[in-house]
């Protein structure tokens, strides 16, 4: 059972419109098993929260760093990507509030990461509707922007595809290629598995909700596998 007070404590915020936040943690699959559920799933809130998150992060980087646009874009991408948002959601404790189907609840792997990241964006959207831009900005600053220093220190903002290509060309004289190995799911919730290849050799696989995301994940895994 959804408990708005407990979620508010985890998030460190006040909640005025509880329905918005319950919707934010409701995955589409939950409605398939609970036809009488009075609220919608979180995809529209996710759409809104994604835009609010990107604006807050962009605004912060613009006002605090004089680096070129390309660098700021890479830093922003590292802060707002699914992996980072899932990490933030887990740290806060959002996972225990997710409302999903029994099938989704069993999957603790990459699919859960997507659910957490999407719920995090939806929560930001809910907070924006509930209390406005400034409240969302404070929340994003406390939960997401605090990771900027570690992003810059670890250089996790560097595009893994570019890094993998540079390393492969320098070490082996080979340009990597990527191929979709599998794809599944309906159009609104596609899931791709791509392979990173050096010549004919499959180095690593990666997953994502777009071909580009799956390729980046494959490149990242290939770098780790090669020890580059």
C-alpha atoms as a PDB file:
ATOM      1  CA  UNK A   1       0.000   0.000   0.000  1.00  0.00           C
ATOM      2  CA  UNK A   2       1.326   3.425  -1.010  1.00  0.00           C
ATOM      3  CA  UNK A   3       2.262   5.638   1.944  1.00  0.00           C
ATOM      4  CA  UNK A   4       2.826   9.272   1.002  1.00  0.00           C
ATOM      5  CA  UNK A   5       4.242  10.229   4.405  1.00  0.00           C
ATOM      6  CA  UNK A   6       6.932   7.570   4.218  1.00  0.00           C
ATOM      7  CA  UNK A   7       7.828   8.550   0.659  1.00  0.00           C
ATOM      8  CA  UNK A   8       8.020  12.218   1.670  1.00  0.00           C
ATOM      9  CA  UNK A   9      10.480  11.324   4.446  1.00  0.00           C
ATOM     10  CA  UNK A  10      12.639   9.329   2.031  1.00  0.00           C
ATOM     11  CA  UNK A  11      12.631  12.160  -0.496  1.00  0.00           C
ATOM     12  CA  UNK A  12      13.156  14.846   2.128  1.00  0.00           C
ATOM     13  CA  UNK A  13      10.227  16.918   0.879  1.00  0.00           C
ATOM     14  CA  UNK A  14       6.655  17.833   1.747  1.00  0.00           C
ATOM     15  CA  UNK A  15       3.868  16.282  -0.314  1.00  0.00           C
ATOM     16  CA  UNK A  16       0.622  18.181  -0.856  1.00  0.00           C
ATOM     17  CA  UNK A  17      -1.021  16.236  -3.681  1.00  0.00           C
ATOM     18  CA  UNK A  18      -0.520  12.581  -2.787  1.00  0.00           C
ATOM     19  CA  UNK A  19      -2.097  11.264  -5.993  1.00  0.00           C
ATOM     20  CA  UNK A  20       0.676  12.842  -8.076  1.00  0.00           C
ATOM     21  CA  UNK A  21       3.375  10.974  -6.184  1.00  0.00           C
ATOM     22  CA  UNK A  22       1.488   7.696  -6.161  1.00  0.00           C
ATOM     23  CA  UNK A  23       1.168   8.050  -9.923  1.00  0.00           C
ATOM     24  CA  UNK A  24       4.911   8.795 -10.114  1.00  0.00           C
ATOM     25  CA  UNK A  25       5.816   5.372  -8.696  1.00  0.00           C
ATOM     26  CA  UNK A  26       3.177   3.442 -10.695  1.00  0.00           C
ATOM     27  CA  UNK A  27       4.558   1.459 -13.621  1.00  0.00           C
ATOM     28  CA  UNK A  28       2.351   0.692 -16.603  1.00  0.00           C
ATOM     29  CA  UNK A  29       2.474  -3.047 -15.772  1.00  0.00           C
ATOM     30  CA  UNK A  30       0.725  -2.483 -12.413  1.00  0.00           C
ATOM     31  CA  UNK A  31      -2.421  -1.316 -14.183  1.00  0.00           C
ATOM     32  CA  UNK A  32      -2.576  -4.540 -16.185  1.00  0.00           C
ATOM     33  CA  UNK A  33      -3.057  -6.481 -12.938  1.00  0.00           C
ATOM     34  CA  UNK A  34      -5.165  -3.833 -11.159  1.00  0.00           C
ATOM     35  CA  UNK A  35      -7.812  -2.712 -13.621  1.00  0.00           C
ATOM     36  CA  UNK A  36      -9.714  -0.837 -10.912  1.00  0.00           C
ATOM     37  CA  UNK A  37      -6.721   1.305  -9.932  1.00  0.00           C
ATOM     38  CA  UNK A  38      -7.994   4.912 -10.011  1.00  0.00           C
ATOM     39  CA  UNK A  39      -4.760   6.538 -11.178  1.00  0.00           C
ATOM     40  CA  UNK A  40      -2.751   6.457 -14.386  1.00  0.00           C
ATOM     41  CA  UNK A  41       0.825   5.169 -14.798  1.00  0.00           C
ATOM     42  CA  UNK A  42       3.861   7.433 -14.542  1.00  0.00           C
ATOM     43  CA  UNK A  43       4.890   7.926 -18.176  1.00  0.00           C
ATOM     44  CA  UNK A  44       3.442  11.444 -18.600  1.00  0.00           C
ATOM     45  CA  UNK A  45       5.018  12.587 -15.326  1.00  0.00           C
ATOM     46  CA  UNK A  46       8.285  11.020 -16.452  1.00  0.00           C
ATOM     47  CA  UNK A  47       8.103  13.052 -19.671  1.00  0.00           C
ATOM     48  CA  UNK A  48       7.633  16.255 -17.678  1.00  0.00           C
ATOM     49  CA  UNK A  49      10.231  15.433 -15.033  1.00  0.00           C
ATOM     50  CA  UNK A  50      12.859  14.674 -17.663  1.00  0.00           C
ATOM     51  CA  UNK A  51      12.498  18.213 -19.033  1.00  0.00           C
ATOM     52  CA  UNK A  52      12.589  19.829 -15.576  1.00  0.00           C
ATOM     53  CA  UNK A  53      15.657  17.815 -14.593  1.00  0.00           C
ATOM     54  CA  UNK A  54      17.503  18.736 -17.760  1.00  0.00           C
ATOM     55  CA  UNK A  55      16.703  22.429 -17.362  1.00  0.00           C
ATOM     56  CA  UNK A  56      17.837  22.558 -13.718  1.00  0.00           C
ATOM     57  CA  UNK A  57      21.111  20.788 -14.491  1.00  0.00           C
ATOM     58  CA  UNK A  58      21.703  22.888 -17.606  1.00  0.00           C
ATOM     59  CA  UNK A  59      21.033  26.103 -15.709  1.00  0.00           C
ATOM     60  CA  UNK A  60      23.449  25.099 -12.929  1.00  0.00           C
ATOM     61  CA  UNK A  61      26.246  24.198 -15.334  1.00  0.00           C
ATOM     62  CA  UNK A  62      25.737  27.369 -17.363  1.00  0.00           C
ATOM     63  CA  UNK A  63      25.986  29.645 -14.328  1.00  0.00           C
ATOM     64  CA  UNK A  64      28.869  27.838 -12.610  1.00  0.00           C
ATOM     65  CA  UNK A  65      31.209  26.724 -15.420  1.00  0.00           C
ATOM     66  CA  UNK A  66      32.650  28.572 -18.410  1.00  0.00           C
ATOM     67  CA  UNK A  67      33.614  25.392 -20.279  1.00  0.00           C
ATOM     68  CA  UNK A  68      32.680  24.903 -23.957  1.00  0.00           C
ATOM     69  CA  UNK A  69      29.175  23.727 -24.811  1.00  0.00           C
ATOM     70  CA  UNK A  70      30.373  20.250 -25.809  1.00  0.00           C
ATOM     71  CA  UNK A  71      31.933  19.589 -22.405  1.00  0.00           C
ATOM     72  CA  UNK A  72      28.895  20.890 -20.523  1.00  0.00           C
ATOM     73  CA  UNK A  73      26.656  18.672 -22.657  1.00  0.00           C
ATOM     74  CA  UNK A  74      28.734  15.615 -21.731  1.00  0.00           C
ATOM     75  CA  UNK A  75      28.647  16.505 -18.044  1.00  0.00           C
ATOM     76  CA  UNK A  76      24.894  16.973 -18.159  1.00  0.00           C
ATOM     77  CA  UNK A  77      24.407  13.637 -19.901  1.00  0.00           C
ATOM     78  CA  UNK A  78      26.398  11.896 -17.166  1.00  0.00           C
ATOM     79  CA  UNK A  79      24.178  13.440 -14.491  1.00  0.00           C
ATOM     80  CA  UNK A  80      20.779  12.762 -16.060  1.00  0.00           C
ATOM     81  CA  UNK A  81      21.300   9.326 -17.641  1.00  0.00           C
ATOM     82  CA  UNK A  82      19.403   6.244 -16.509  1.00  0.00           C
ATOM     83  CA  UNK A  83      22.306   4.716 -14.639  1.00  0.00           C
ATOM     84  CA  UNK A  84      22.821   7.819 -12.488  1.00  0.00           C
ATOM     85  CA  UNK A  85      19.106   8.299 -11.828  1.00  0.00           C
ATOM     86  CA  UNK A  86      18.669   4.659 -10.816  1.00  0.00           C
ATOM     87  CA  UNK A  87      21.639   4.997  -8.470  1.00  0.00           C
ATOM     88  CA  UNK A  88      20.093   8.109  -6.897  1.00  0.00           C
ATOM     89  CA  UNK A  89      16.673   6.448  -6.607  1.00  0.00           C
ATOM     90  CA  UNK A  90      18.171   3.418  -4.862  1.00  0.00           C
ATOM     91  CA  UNK A  91      20.146   5.591  -2.452  1.00  0.00           C
ATOM     92  CA  UNK A  92      17.010   7.505  -1.495  1.00  0.00           C
ATOM     93  CA  UNK A  93      14.927   4.350  -1.090  1.00  0.00           C
ATOM     94  CA  UNK A  94      12.461   4.828  -3.951  1.00  0.00           C
ATOM     95  CA  UNK A  95      12.580   1.128  -4.828  1.00  0.00           C
ATOM     96  CA  UNK A  96      10.351   0.049  -1.948  1.00  0.00           C
ATOM     97  CA  UNK A  97       7.553   2.322  -3.223  1.00  0.00           C
ATOM     98  CA  UNK A  98       7.467   1.055  -6.827  1.00  0.00           C
ATOM     99  CA  UNK A  99       4.054  -0.213  -7.889  1.00  0.00           C
ATOM    100  CA  UNK A 100       4.513  -2.795 -10.627  1.00  0.00           C
ATOM    101  CA  UNK A 101       3.301  -6.170 -11.826  1.00  0.00           C
ATOM    102  CA  UNK A 102       4.411  -9.387 -10.146  1.00  0.00           C
ATOM    103  CA  UNK A 103       6.485 -10.174 -13.225  1.00  0.00           C
ATOM    104  CA  UNK A 104       8.319  -6.847 -13.094  1.00  0.00           C
ATOM    105  CA  UNK A 105       8.851  -7.264  -9.356  1.00  0.00           C
ATOM    106  CA  UNK A 106      10.797 -10.475  -9.977  1.00  0.00           C
ATOM    107  CA  UNK A 107      13.245  -8.811 -12.361  1.00  0.00           C
ATOM    108  CA  UNK A 108      16.033  -7.274 -10.288  1.00  0.00           C
ATOM    109  CA  UNK A 109      18.409  -6.649 -13.199  1.00  0.00           C
ATOM    110  CA  UNK A 110      18.616  -4.003 -15.891  1.00  0.00           C
ATOM    111  CA  UNK A 111      14.836  -3.730 -16.188  1.00  0.00           C
ATOM    112  CA  UNK A 112      14.651  -2.612 -12.556  1.00  0.00           C
ATOM    113  CA  UNK A 113      17.224   0.082 -13.281  1.00  0.00           C
ATOM    114  CA  UNK A 114      14.942   1.498 -15.982  1.00  0.00           C
ATOM    115  CA  UNK A 115      11.944   1.446 -13.649  1.00  0.00           C
ATOM    116  CA  UNK A 116      13.898   3.303 -10.977  1.00  0.00           C
ATOM    117  CA  UNK A 117      15.263   5.904 -13.380  1.00  0.00           C
ATOM    118  CA  UNK A 118      11.830   6.507 -14.873  1.00  0.00           C
ATOM    119  CA  UNK A 119      10.254   6.757 -11.416  1.00  0.00           C
ATOM    120  CA  UNK A 120      12.892   9.299 -10.402  1.00  0.00           C
ATOM    121  CA  UNK A 121      12.022  11.486 -13.390  1.00  0.00           C
ATOM    122  CA  UNK A 122       8.312  11.063 -12.649  1.00  0.00           C
ATOM    123  CA  UNK A 123       8.847  12.102  -9.013  1.00  0.00           C
ATOM    124  CA  UNK A 124      10.574  15.270 -10.225  1.00  0.00           C
ATOM    125  CA  UNK A 125       7.601  15.904 -12.517  1.00  0.00           C
ATOM    126  CA  UNK A 126       5.198  15.346  -9.625  1.00  0.00           C
ATOM    127  CA  UNK A 127       7.139  17.703  -7.370  1.00  0.00           C
ATOM    128  CA  UNK A 128       7.148  20.362 -10.099  1.00  0.00           C
ATOM    129  CA  UNK A 129       3.359  20.132 -10.445  1.00  0.00           C
ATOM    130  CA  UNK A 130       2.867  19.957  -6.688  1.00  0.00           C
ATOM    131  CA  UNK A 131       5.088  22.842  -5.601  1.00  0.00           C
ATOM    132  CA  UNK A 132       6.680  24.482  -8.624  1.00  0.00           C
ATOM    133  CA  UNK A 133      10.081  24.897 -10.237  1.00  0.00           C
ATOM    134  CA  UNK A 134      11.970  26.151  -7.182  1.00  0.00           C
ATOM    135  CA  UNK A 135      11.020  23.112  -5.081  1.00  0.00           C
ATOM    136  CA  UNK A 136      12.058  20.782  -7.915  1.00  0.00           C
ATOM    137  CA  UNK A 137      15.325  22.708  -8.249  1.00  0.00           C
ATOM    138  CA  UNK A 138      16.166  22.293  -4.553  1.00  0.00           C
ATOM    139  CA  UNK A 139      15.390  18.565  -4.724  1.00  0.00           C
ATOM    140  CA  UNK A 140      17.495  18.040  -7.862  1.00  0.00           C
ATOM    141  CA  UNK A 141      20.374  19.981  -6.296  1.00  0.00           C
ATOM    142  CA  UNK A 142      20.326  17.750  -3.217  1.00  0.00           C
ATOM    143  CA  UNK A 143      19.966  14.449  -5.043  1.00  0.00           C
ATOM    144  CA  UNK A 144      21.531  14.785  -8.496  1.00  0.00           C
ATOM    145  CA  UNK A 145      23.847  17.789  -8.693  1.00  0.00           C
ATOM    146  CA  UNK A 146      25.770  16.632  -5.625  1.00  0.00           C
ATOM    147  CA  UNK A 147      27.223  13.908  -7.877  1.00  0.00           C
ATOM    148  CA  UNK A 148      28.852  16.363 -10.272  1.00  0.00           C
ATOM    149  CA  UNK A 149      32.193  16.356  -8.456  1.00  0.00           C
ATOM    150  CA  UNK A 150      32.513  12.564  -8.663  1.00  0.00           C
ATOM    151  CA  UNK A 151      31.460  12.643 -12.341  1.00  0.00           C
ATOM    152  CA  UNK A 152      34.235  15.115 -13.125  1.00  0.00           C
ATOM    153  CA  UNK A 153      36.795  13.255 -11.009  1.00  0.00           C
ATOM    154  CA  UNK A 154      36.074   9.834 -12.539  1.00  0.00           C
ATOM    155  CA  UNK A 155      35.572  11.272 -16.053  1.00  0.00           C
ATOM    156  CA  UNK A 156      32.461   9.125 -16.372  1.00  0.00           C
ATOM    157  CA  UNK A 157      31.097  11.857 -18.657  1.00  0.00           C
ATOM    158  CA  UNK A 158      33.428  10.753 -21.451  1.00  0.00           C
ATOM    159  CA  UNK A 159      31.435   8.997 -24.157  1.00  0.00           C
ATOM    160  CA  UNK A 160      32.334   5.277 -23.965  1.00  0.00           C
ATOM    161  CA  UNK A 161      31.896   4.799 -27.733  1.00  0.00           C
ATOM    162  CA  UNK A 162      34.484   7.498 -28.444  1.00  0.00           C
ATOM    163  CA  UNK A 163      36.852   6.085 -25.843  1.00  0.00           C
ATOM    164  CA  UNK A 164      36.473   2.528 -27.153  1.00  0.00           C
ATOM    165  CA  UNK A 165      37.090   3.690 -30.718  1.00  0.00           C
ATOM    166  CA  UNK A 166      40.191   5.667 -29.751  1.00  0.00           C
ATOM    167  CA  UNK A 167      41.646   2.755 -27.779  1.00  0.00           C
ATOM    168  CA  UNK A 168      40.845   0.158 -30.458  1.00  0.00           C
ATOM    169  CA  UNK A 169      42.351   2.254 -33.239  1.00  0.00           C
ATOM    170  CA  UNK A 170      45.458   3.108 -31.242  1.00  0.00           C
ATOM    171  CA  UNK A 171      46.089  -0.402 -29.927  1.00  0.00           C
ATOM    172  CA  UNK A 172      44.797  -2.591 -32.755  1.00  0.00           C
ATOM    173  CA  UNK A 173      44.216  -0.364 -35.766  1.00  0.00           C
ATOM    174  CA  UNK A 174      40.566  -1.463 -35.798  1.00  0.00           C
ATOM    175  CA  UNK A 175      37.420   0.657 -35.761  1.00  0.00           C
ATOM    176  CA  UNK A 176      34.676  -0.947 -33.620  1.00  0.00           C
ATOM    177  CA  UNK A 177      31.272  -1.706 -35.068  1.00  0.00           C
ATOM    178  CA  UNK A 178      27.901  -2.243 -33.367  1.00  0.00           C
ATOM    179  CA  UNK A 179      25.029  -4.526 -34.259  1.00  0.00           C
ATOM    180  CA  UNK A 180      21.628  -5.071 -32.673  1.00  0.00           C
ATOM    181  CA  UNK A 181      21.578  -8.630 -31.340  1.00  0.00           C
ATOM    182  CA  UNK A 182      18.073  -8.671 -29.912  1.00  0.00           C
ATOM    183  CA  UNK A 183      15.118  -6.368 -29.443  1.00  0.00           C
ATOM    184  CA  UNK A 184      11.882  -6.918 -27.610  1.00  0.00           C
ATOM    185  CA  UNK A 185       8.860  -5.148 -26.185  1.00  0.00           C
ATOM    186  CA  UNK A 186       6.100  -2.936 -27.614  1.00  0.00           C
ATOM    187  CA  UNK A 187       6.884   0.340 -29.367  1.00  0.00           C
ATOM    188  CA  UNK A 188       6.340   2.432 -26.238  1.00  0.00           C
ATOM    189  CA  UNK A 189       8.721   0.281 -24.179  1.00  0.00           C
ATOM    190  CA  UNK A 190      11.369  -1.133 -26.536  1.00  0.00           C
ATOM    191  CA  UNK A 191      14.441  -2.900 -25.184  1.00  0.00           C
ATOM    192  CA  UNK A 192      17.567  -3.393 -27.283  1.00  0.00           C
ATOM    193  CA  UNK A 193      20.656  -5.573 -26.852  1.00  0.00           C
ATOM    194  CA  UNK A 194      23.620  -4.502 -28.997  1.00  0.00           C
ATOM    195  CA  UNK A 195      27.046  -6.036 -29.479  1.00  0.00           C
ATOM    196  CA  UNK A 196      30.353  -4.189 -29.676  1.00  0.00           C
ATOM    197  CA  UNK A 197      32.566  -5.881 -32.278  1.00  0.00           C
ATOM    198  CA  UNK A 198      36.214  -5.654 -33.233  1.00  0.00           C
ATOM    199  CA  UNK A 199      36.224  -7.143 -36.698  1.00  0.00           C
ATOM    200  CA  UNK A 200      34.168 -10.328 -36.439  1.00  0.00           C
ATOM    201  CA  UNK A 201      34.814 -10.746 -32.700  1.00  0.00           C
ATOM    202  CA  UNK A 202      32.012  -9.898 -30.269  1.00  0.00           C
ATOM    203  CA  UNK A 203      33.708  -8.153 -27.362  1.00  0.00           C
ATOM    204  CA  UNK A 204      30.737  -7.287 -25.159  1.00  0.00           C
ATOM    205  CA  UNK A 205      26.988  -6.794 -25.127  1.00  0.00           C
ATOM    206  CA  UNK A 206      25.020  -3.815 -23.871  1.00  0.00           C
ATOM    207  CA  UNK A 207      21.374  -3.041 -23.150  1.00  0.00           C
ATOM    208  CA  UNK A 208      19.209   0.036 -23.498  1.00  0.00           C
ATOM    209  CA  UNK A 209      15.833   1.482 -24.341  1.00  0.00           C
ATOM    210  CA  UNK A 210      17.259   2.829 -27.592  1.00  0.00           C
ATOM    211  CA  UNK A 211      19.862   1.494 -30.027  1.00  0.00           C
ATOM    212  CA  UNK A 212      22.195   4.347 -29.094  1.00  0.00           C
ATOM    213  CA  UNK A 213      21.896   3.634 -25.374  1.00  0.00           C
ATOM    214  CA  UNK A 214      22.541  -0.077 -25.960  1.00  0.00           C
ATOM    215  CA  UNK A 215      25.629   0.766 -28.040  1.00  0.00           C
ATOM    216  CA  UNK A 216      27.016   3.045 -25.315  1.00  0.00           C
ATOM    217  CA  UNK A 217      26.465   0.321 -22.740  1.00  0.00           C
ATOM    218  CA  UNK A 218      28.175  -2.232 -25.003  1.00  0.00           C
ATOM    219  CA  UNK A 219      31.162   0.109 -25.474  1.00  0.00           C
ATOM    220  CA  UNK A 220      31.409   0.677 -21.733  1.00  0.00           C
ATOM    221  CA  UNK A 221      31.350  -3.081 -21.096  1.00  0.00           C
ATOM    222  CA  UNK A 222      33.903  -3.658 -23.860  1.00  0.00           C
ATOM    223  CA  UNK A 223      36.292  -1.148 -22.266  1.00  0.00           C
ATOM    224  CA  UNK A 224      35.966  -2.965 -18.948  1.00  0.00           C
ATOM    225  CA  UNK A 225      36.418  -6.373 -20.531  1.00  0.00           C
ATOM    226  CA  UNK A 226      39.550  -5.267 -22.393  1.00  0.00           C
ATOM    227  CA  UNK A 227      40.908  -3.472 -19.350  1.00  0.00           C
ATOM    228  CA  UNK A 228      41.212  -0.244 -21.365  1.00  0.00           C
END
